[in-house]
N, C-alpha and C. Protein backbone atom coordinates (compact mmCIF):
# COMPACT_ATOMS: atom_id res chain seq x y z
N UNK A 1 0.83 -1.19 0.00
CA UNK A 1 0.00 0.00 0.00
C UNK A 1 0.88 1.26 0.00
N UNK A 2 0.57 2.17 -0.92
CA UNK A 2 1.32 3.42 -0.99
C UNK A 2 0.78 4.39 0.06
N UNK A 3 1.70 4.99 0.81
CA UNK A 3 1.31 5.98 1.81
C UNK A 3 2.16 7.23 1.68
N UNK A 4 1.53 8.39 1.84
CA UNK A 4 2.23 9.67 1.88
C UNK A 4 1.86 10.30 3.21
N UNK A 5 2.85 10.50 4.07
CA UNK A 5 2.60 11.04 5.39
C UNK A 5 3.26 12.42 5.49
N UNK A 6 2.43 13.40 5.73
CA UNK A 6 2.91 14.78 5.75
C UNK A 6 3.12 15.29 7.16
N UNK A 7 3.98 16.29 7.26
CA UNK A 7 4.15 17.01 8.51
C UNK A 7 4.66 18.41 8.22
N UNK A 8 4.54 19.29 9.21
CA UNK A 8 5.20 20.58 9.10
C UNK A 8 4.31 21.80 8.93
N UNK A 9 3.01 21.64 8.84
CA UNK A 9 2.15 22.82 8.71
C UNK A 9 2.07 23.58 10.02
N UNK A 10 1.32 24.69 10.01
CA UNK A 10 1.16 25.45 11.24
C UNK A 10 0.74 26.87 10.98
N UNK A 11 0.85 27.67 12.04
CA UNK A 11 0.48 29.08 12.00
C UNK A 11 1.74 29.92 12.05
N UNK A 12 1.84 30.89 11.15
CA UNK A 12 3.02 31.74 11.10
C UNK A 12 2.60 33.15 10.70
N UNK A 13 3.36 34.13 11.13
CA UNK A 13 3.09 35.50 10.71
C UNK A 13 3.60 35.75 9.31
N UNK A 14 3.01 36.72 8.64
CA UNK A 14 3.47 37.09 7.31
C UNK A 14 4.97 37.40 7.34
N UNK A 15 5.67 36.90 6.33
CA UNK A 15 7.12 37.05 6.29
C UNK A 15 7.87 35.89 6.90
N UNK A 16 7.16 35.03 7.59
CA UNK A 16 7.80 33.89 8.24
C UNK A 16 8.01 32.72 7.30
N UNK A 17 8.49 31.62 7.89
CA UNK A 17 8.84 30.43 7.11
C UNK A 17 8.26 29.17 7.74
N UNK A 18 8.00 28.20 6.90
CA UNK A 18 7.61 26.86 7.32
C UNK A 18 8.23 25.86 6.35
N UNK A 19 8.43 24.64 6.83
CA UNK A 19 8.89 23.56 5.95
C UNK A 19 7.93 22.39 6.07
N UNK A 20 7.41 21.98 4.91
CA UNK A 20 6.56 20.79 4.84
C UNK A 20 7.41 19.59 4.45
N UNK A 21 7.10 18.44 5.04
CA UNK A 21 7.76 17.19 4.69
C UNK A 21 6.71 16.18 4.25
N UNK A 22 7.13 15.26 3.39
CA UNK A 22 6.24 14.20 2.91
C UNK A 22 7.05 12.93 2.79
N UNK A 23 6.75 11.94 3.63
CA UNK A 23 7.44 10.66 3.60
C UNK A 23 6.61 9.68 2.81
N UNK A 24 7.24 9.08 1.80
CA UNK A 24 6.55 8.17 0.89
C UNK A 24 6.97 6.73 1.18
N UNK A 25 6.02 5.83 1.23
CA UNK A 25 6.33 4.41 1.40
C UNK A 25 5.44 3.59 0.48
N UNK A 26 5.91 2.38 0.18
CA UNK A 26 5.09 1.46 -0.60
C UNK A 26 5.39 1.41 -2.08
N UNK A 27 6.34 2.25 -2.55
CA UNK A 27 6.73 2.16 -3.95
C UNK A 27 8.14 2.72 -4.12
N UNK A 28 8.67 2.54 -5.35
CA UNK A 28 9.98 3.08 -5.67
C UNK A 28 9.85 4.56 -5.93
N UNK A 29 10.55 5.33 -5.14
CA UNK A 29 10.37 6.78 -5.14
C UNK A 29 10.91 7.43 -6.40
N UNK A 30 12.00 6.89 -6.96
CA UNK A 30 12.79 7.69 -7.88
C UNK A 30 12.29 7.72 -9.31
N UNK A 31 11.20 7.04 -9.66
CA UNK A 31 10.68 7.17 -11.03
C UNK A 31 9.33 7.88 -11.04
N UNK A 32 9.16 8.80 -10.09
CA UNK A 32 7.92 9.54 -9.96
C UNK A 32 8.18 11.04 -9.87
N UNK A 33 7.09 11.79 -9.96
CA UNK A 33 7.09 13.21 -9.63
C UNK A 33 6.34 13.37 -8.31
N UNK A 34 6.87 14.22 -7.45
CA UNK A 34 6.26 14.42 -6.13
C UNK A 34 6.20 15.92 -5.85
N UNK A 35 5.21 16.32 -5.11
CA UNK A 35 5.11 17.75 -4.79
C UNK A 35 3.87 18.05 -3.99
N UNK A 36 3.45 19.32 -4.07
CA UNK A 36 2.31 19.76 -3.29
C UNK A 36 1.28 20.52 -4.12
N UNK A 37 0.03 20.26 -3.79
CA UNK A 37 -1.09 21.10 -4.19
C UNK A 37 -1.58 21.82 -2.94
N UNK A 38 -2.34 22.87 -3.15
CA UNK A 38 -2.99 23.53 -2.02
C UNK A 38 -4.42 23.90 -2.38
N UNK A 39 -5.24 23.97 -1.33
CA UNK A 39 -6.64 24.33 -1.54
C UNK A 39 -7.06 25.29 -0.44
N UNK A 40 -7.36 26.51 -0.83
CA UNK A 40 -7.87 27.49 0.11
C UNK A 40 -9.38 27.36 0.21
N UNK A 41 -9.93 27.89 1.28
CA UNK A 41 -11.36 27.79 1.53
C UNK A 41 -12.15 28.38 0.36
N UNK A 42 -13.04 27.58 -0.22
CA UNK A 42 -13.88 28.05 -1.30
C UNK A 42 -13.22 28.11 -2.66
N UNK A 43 -11.97 27.61 -2.76
CA UNK A 43 -11.26 27.67 -4.04
C UNK A 43 -10.91 26.27 -4.53
N UNK A 44 -10.54 26.18 -5.80
CA UNK A 44 -10.14 24.90 -6.38
C UNK A 44 -8.72 24.53 -5.93
N UNK A 45 -8.45 23.23 -5.99
CA UNK A 45 -7.10 22.77 -5.66
C UNK A 45 -6.12 23.26 -6.72
N UNK A 46 -4.98 23.78 -6.27
CA UNK A 46 -3.99 24.42 -7.14
C UNK A 46 -2.65 23.72 -6.99
N UNK A 47 -1.99 23.43 -8.11
CA UNK A 47 -0.65 22.87 -8.07
C UNK A 47 0.35 23.93 -7.65
N UNK A 48 1.11 23.68 -6.61
CA UNK A 48 2.06 24.64 -6.07
C UNK A 48 3.47 24.40 -6.60
N UNK A 49 3.96 23.18 -6.43
CA UNK A 49 5.33 22.86 -6.82
C UNK A 49 5.49 21.36 -6.89
N UNK A 50 6.40 20.92 -7.77
CA UNK A 50 6.72 19.50 -7.83
C UNK A 50 8.14 19.31 -8.34
N UNK A 51 8.63 18.10 -8.18
CA UNK A 51 9.98 17.76 -8.58
C UNK A 51 9.99 16.34 -9.16
N UNK A 52 10.75 16.15 -10.22
CA UNK A 52 10.97 14.80 -10.73
C UNK A 52 12.13 14.22 -9.94
N UNK A 53 11.88 13.16 -9.22
CA UNK A 53 12.84 12.70 -8.23
C UNK A 53 14.16 12.30 -8.88
N UNK A 54 14.12 11.55 -9.97
CA UNK A 54 15.35 11.05 -10.59
C UNK A 54 16.14 12.18 -11.25
N UNK A 55 15.46 13.07 -11.99
CA UNK A 55 16.16 14.11 -12.75
C UNK A 55 16.40 15.37 -11.92
N UNK A 56 15.55 15.60 -10.94
CA UNK A 56 15.65 16.82 -10.16
C UNK A 56 15.06 18.05 -10.83
N UNK A 57 14.30 17.86 -11.90
CA UNK A 57 13.61 19.00 -12.52
C UNK A 57 12.53 19.48 -11.57
N UNK A 58 12.32 20.82 -11.57
CA UNK A 58 11.34 21.39 -10.66
C UNK A 58 10.34 22.27 -11.40
N UNK A 59 9.19 22.42 -10.78
CA UNK A 59 8.13 23.31 -11.27
C UNK A 59 7.59 24.08 -10.08
N UNK A 60 7.32 25.39 -10.30
CA UNK A 60 6.68 26.23 -9.29
C UNK A 60 5.59 27.04 -9.96
N UNK A 61 4.44 27.16 -9.32
CA UNK A 61 3.45 28.09 -9.82
C UNK A 61 3.98 29.51 -9.62
N UNK A 62 3.54 30.42 -10.47
CA UNK A 62 4.13 31.77 -10.50
C UNK A 62 4.09 32.47 -9.14
N UNK A 63 3.02 32.29 -8.40
CA UNK A 63 2.86 33.05 -7.17
C UNK A 63 3.84 32.66 -6.07
N UNK A 64 4.55 31.53 -6.21
CA UNK A 64 5.49 31.11 -5.16
C UNK A 64 6.93 31.12 -5.63
N UNK A 65 7.17 31.43 -6.89
CA UNK A 65 8.54 31.44 -7.40
C UNK A 65 9.39 32.44 -6.62
N UNK A 66 10.60 32.00 -6.27
CA UNK A 66 11.50 32.83 -5.50
C UNK A 66 11.27 32.78 -4.00
N UNK A 67 10.17 32.18 -3.56
CA UNK A 67 9.87 32.09 -2.13
C UNK A 67 9.85 30.64 -1.64
N UNK A 68 9.41 29.71 -2.48
CA UNK A 68 9.32 28.30 -2.10
C UNK A 68 10.43 27.51 -2.81
N UNK A 69 10.94 26.49 -2.13
CA UNK A 69 11.95 25.60 -2.71
C UNK A 69 11.57 24.16 -2.41
N UNK A 70 11.52 23.35 -3.45
CA UNK A 70 11.20 21.93 -3.29
C UNK A 70 12.46 21.10 -3.44
N UNK A 71 12.54 20.02 -2.68
CA UNK A 71 13.70 19.14 -2.76
C UNK A 71 13.29 17.75 -2.28
N UNK A 72 14.19 16.79 -2.49
CA UNK A 72 14.00 15.45 -1.93
C UNK A 72 15.31 14.96 -1.36
N UNK A 73 15.22 13.90 -0.57
CA UNK A 73 16.45 13.26 -0.09
C UNK A 73 16.89 12.13 -1.00
N UNK A 74 16.15 11.94 -2.11
CA UNK A 74 16.49 10.91 -3.08
C UNK A 74 16.06 9.51 -2.68
N UNK A 75 15.56 9.37 -1.47
CA UNK A 75 15.18 8.03 -0.99
C UNK A 75 13.67 7.92 -0.83
N UNK A 76 13.10 8.72 0.08
CA UNK A 76 11.66 8.57 0.29
C UNK A 76 10.99 9.82 0.85
N UNK A 77 11.67 10.95 0.91
CA UNK A 77 11.09 12.13 1.54
C UNK A 77 11.24 13.35 0.63
N UNK A 78 10.15 14.09 0.53
CA UNK A 78 10.15 15.36 -0.19
C UNK A 78 9.95 16.50 0.82
N UNK A 79 10.51 17.66 0.48
CA UNK A 79 10.42 18.82 1.35
C UNK A 79 9.97 20.03 0.55
N UNK A 80 9.18 20.88 1.18
CA UNK A 80 8.82 22.16 0.58
C UNK A 80 9.16 23.24 1.59
N UNK A 81 10.23 23.97 1.30
CA UNK A 81 10.66 25.08 2.13
C UNK A 81 9.90 26.32 1.67
N UNK A 82 9.14 26.92 2.59
CA UNK A 82 8.31 28.08 2.24
C UNK A 82 8.80 29.28 3.03
N UNK A 83 9.31 30.27 2.32
CA UNK A 83 9.84 31.49 2.94
C UNK A 83 9.00 32.70 2.53
N UNK A 84 9.15 33.76 3.29
CA UNK A 84 8.43 35.01 3.01
C UNK A 84 6.94 34.72 2.78
N UNK A 85 6.36 33.97 3.67
CA UNK A 85 4.96 33.57 3.52
C UNK A 85 4.03 34.77 3.57
N UNK A 86 2.96 34.69 2.79
CA UNK A 86 1.97 35.76 2.69
C UNK A 86 0.61 35.22 3.11
N UNK A 87 -0.29 36.11 3.55
CA UNK A 87 -1.63 35.64 3.94
C UNK A 87 -2.32 34.85 2.82
N UNK A 88 -2.05 35.19 1.57
CA UNK A 88 -2.68 34.47 0.46
C UNK A 88 -2.13 33.05 0.28
N UNK A 89 -1.08 32.70 1.01
CA UNK A 89 -0.58 31.32 1.00
C UNK A 89 -1.38 30.43 1.95
N UNK A 90 -2.27 31.00 2.73
CA UNK A 90 -3.09 30.22 3.66
C UNK A 90 -3.94 29.22 2.90
N UNK A 91 -3.82 27.94 3.26
CA UNK A 91 -4.55 26.86 2.58
C UNK A 91 -4.22 25.53 3.25
N UNK A 92 -4.94 24.51 2.85
CA UNK A 92 -4.54 23.13 3.16
C UNK A 92 -3.60 22.68 2.06
N UNK A 93 -2.44 22.16 2.45
CA UNK A 93 -1.43 21.72 1.50
C UNK A 93 -1.41 20.20 1.47
N UNK A 94 -1.49 19.65 0.27
CA UNK A 94 -1.57 18.20 0.08
C UNK A 94 -0.35 17.70 -0.68
N UNK A 95 0.38 16.80 -0.09
CA UNK A 95 1.46 16.13 -0.81
C UNK A 95 0.85 15.23 -1.87
N UNK A 96 1.49 15.16 -3.03
CA UNK A 96 0.97 14.35 -4.13
C UNK A 96 2.12 13.66 -4.84
N UNK A 97 1.85 12.48 -5.34
CA UNK A 97 2.86 11.71 -6.06
C UNK A 97 2.19 10.99 -7.22
N UNK A 98 2.87 11.02 -8.36
CA UNK A 98 2.30 10.38 -9.53
C UNK A 98 3.40 9.97 -10.49
N UNK A 99 3.04 9.19 -11.51
CA UNK A 99 4.01 8.78 -12.51
C UNK A 99 4.52 10.01 -13.26
N UNK A 100 5.82 10.03 -13.51
CA UNK A 100 6.42 11.14 -14.25
C UNK A 100 6.34 10.80 -15.74
N UNK A 101 5.15 11.06 -16.33
CA UNK A 101 4.93 10.70 -17.72
C UNK A 101 4.47 11.86 -18.58
N UNK A 102 4.51 13.06 -18.02
CA UNK A 102 4.16 14.29 -18.74
C UNK A 102 5.08 15.38 -18.23
N UNK A 103 5.20 16.48 -18.98
CA UNK A 103 5.95 17.62 -18.45
C UNK A 103 5.37 18.07 -17.11
N UNK A 104 6.24 18.49 -16.21
CA UNK A 104 5.79 18.82 -14.86
C UNK A 104 4.68 19.86 -14.82
N UNK A 105 4.74 20.95 -15.60
CA UNK A 105 3.63 21.93 -15.56
C UNK A 105 2.29 21.30 -15.96
N UNK A 106 2.32 20.34 -16.85
CA UNK A 106 1.08 19.66 -17.25
C UNK A 106 0.60 18.77 -16.12
N UNK A 107 1.51 17.96 -15.57
CA UNK A 107 1.15 17.08 -14.46
C UNK A 107 0.50 17.86 -13.33
N UNK A 108 1.09 19.00 -12.99
CA UNK A 108 0.63 19.74 -11.82
C UNK A 108 -0.52 20.70 -12.12
N UNK A 109 -1.05 20.62 -13.33
CA UNK A 109 -2.28 21.34 -13.64
C UNK A 109 -3.48 20.40 -13.67
N UNK A 110 -3.22 19.12 -13.41
CA UNK A 110 -4.28 18.11 -13.53
C UNK A 110 -4.41 17.31 -12.22
N UNK A 111 -4.99 17.91 -11.17
CA UNK A 111 -5.11 17.16 -9.91
C UNK A 111 -5.90 15.87 -10.07
N UNK A 112 -6.78 15.82 -11.07
CA UNK A 112 -7.58 14.61 -11.27
C UNK A 112 -6.73 13.45 -11.74
N UNK A 113 -5.51 13.72 -12.21
CA UNK A 113 -4.63 12.67 -12.71
C UNK A 113 -3.63 12.18 -11.67
N UNK A 114 -3.62 12.78 -10.50
CA UNK A 114 -2.68 12.39 -9.45
C UNK A 114 -3.08 11.04 -8.88
N UNK A 115 -2.08 10.16 -8.69
CA UNK A 115 -2.37 8.80 -8.24
C UNK A 115 -2.44 8.67 -6.73
N UNK A 116 -1.62 9.45 -6.02
CA UNK A 116 -1.54 9.26 -4.57
C UNK A 116 -1.50 10.61 -3.87
N UNK A 117 -2.22 10.69 -2.75
CA UNK A 117 -2.32 11.92 -1.98
C UNK A 117 -1.97 11.70 -0.52
N UNK A 118 -1.39 12.74 0.09
CA UNK A 118 -1.21 12.75 1.53
C UNK A 118 -2.48 13.23 2.21
N UNK A 119 -2.42 13.28 3.54
CA UNK A 119 -3.61 13.59 4.32
C UNK A 119 -3.88 15.09 4.41
N UNK A 120 -2.91 15.91 4.07
CA UNK A 120 -3.07 17.35 4.10
C UNK A 120 -2.47 17.97 5.35
N UNK A 121 -1.92 19.17 5.19
CA UNK A 121 -1.36 19.95 6.30
C UNK A 121 -1.91 21.36 6.20
N UNK A 122 -2.40 21.88 7.31
CA UNK A 122 -2.95 23.23 7.28
C UNK A 122 -1.83 24.25 7.47
N UNK A 123 -1.81 25.24 6.60
CA UNK A 123 -0.87 26.35 6.71
C UNK A 123 -1.68 27.63 6.82
N UNK A 124 -1.47 28.36 7.90
CA UNK A 124 -2.17 29.62 8.12
C UNK A 124 -1.16 30.73 8.31
N UNK A 125 -1.28 31.77 7.49
CA UNK A 125 -0.37 32.91 7.56
C UNK A 125 -1.17 34.13 7.99
N UNK A 126 -0.82 34.67 9.13
CA UNK A 126 -1.53 35.85 9.65
C UNK A 126 -0.85 37.13 9.19
N UNK A 127 -1.66 38.16 9.02
CA UNK A 127 -1.11 39.44 8.54
C UNK A 127 -0.69 40.33 9.71
């Protein structure tokens, strides 16, 4: 059974930082793309960032470029370092993992195509 276990959400003031972690088990990590989507109250789920584990290619949605950094340990854990957080970053963040069979921007625009999801981590940024 594939499992994605997330940690690291919380409450932070604007300008602060948080790091999300996602531990993957039950499959070979390195031939997949892994990353995060987020969903704010009343809004659709949005692809935030992802990484192709084997190649290390990355994708970021425009609103987080220069502030968020995604990485992996190459074995089973992905990280999303979030700096200079803004109130508009407030959302539930979901770790996601899927086959790396399309360009990353395409993969992360299609939440309906994601194969595996984490349980979600709440991130709240106060102004």
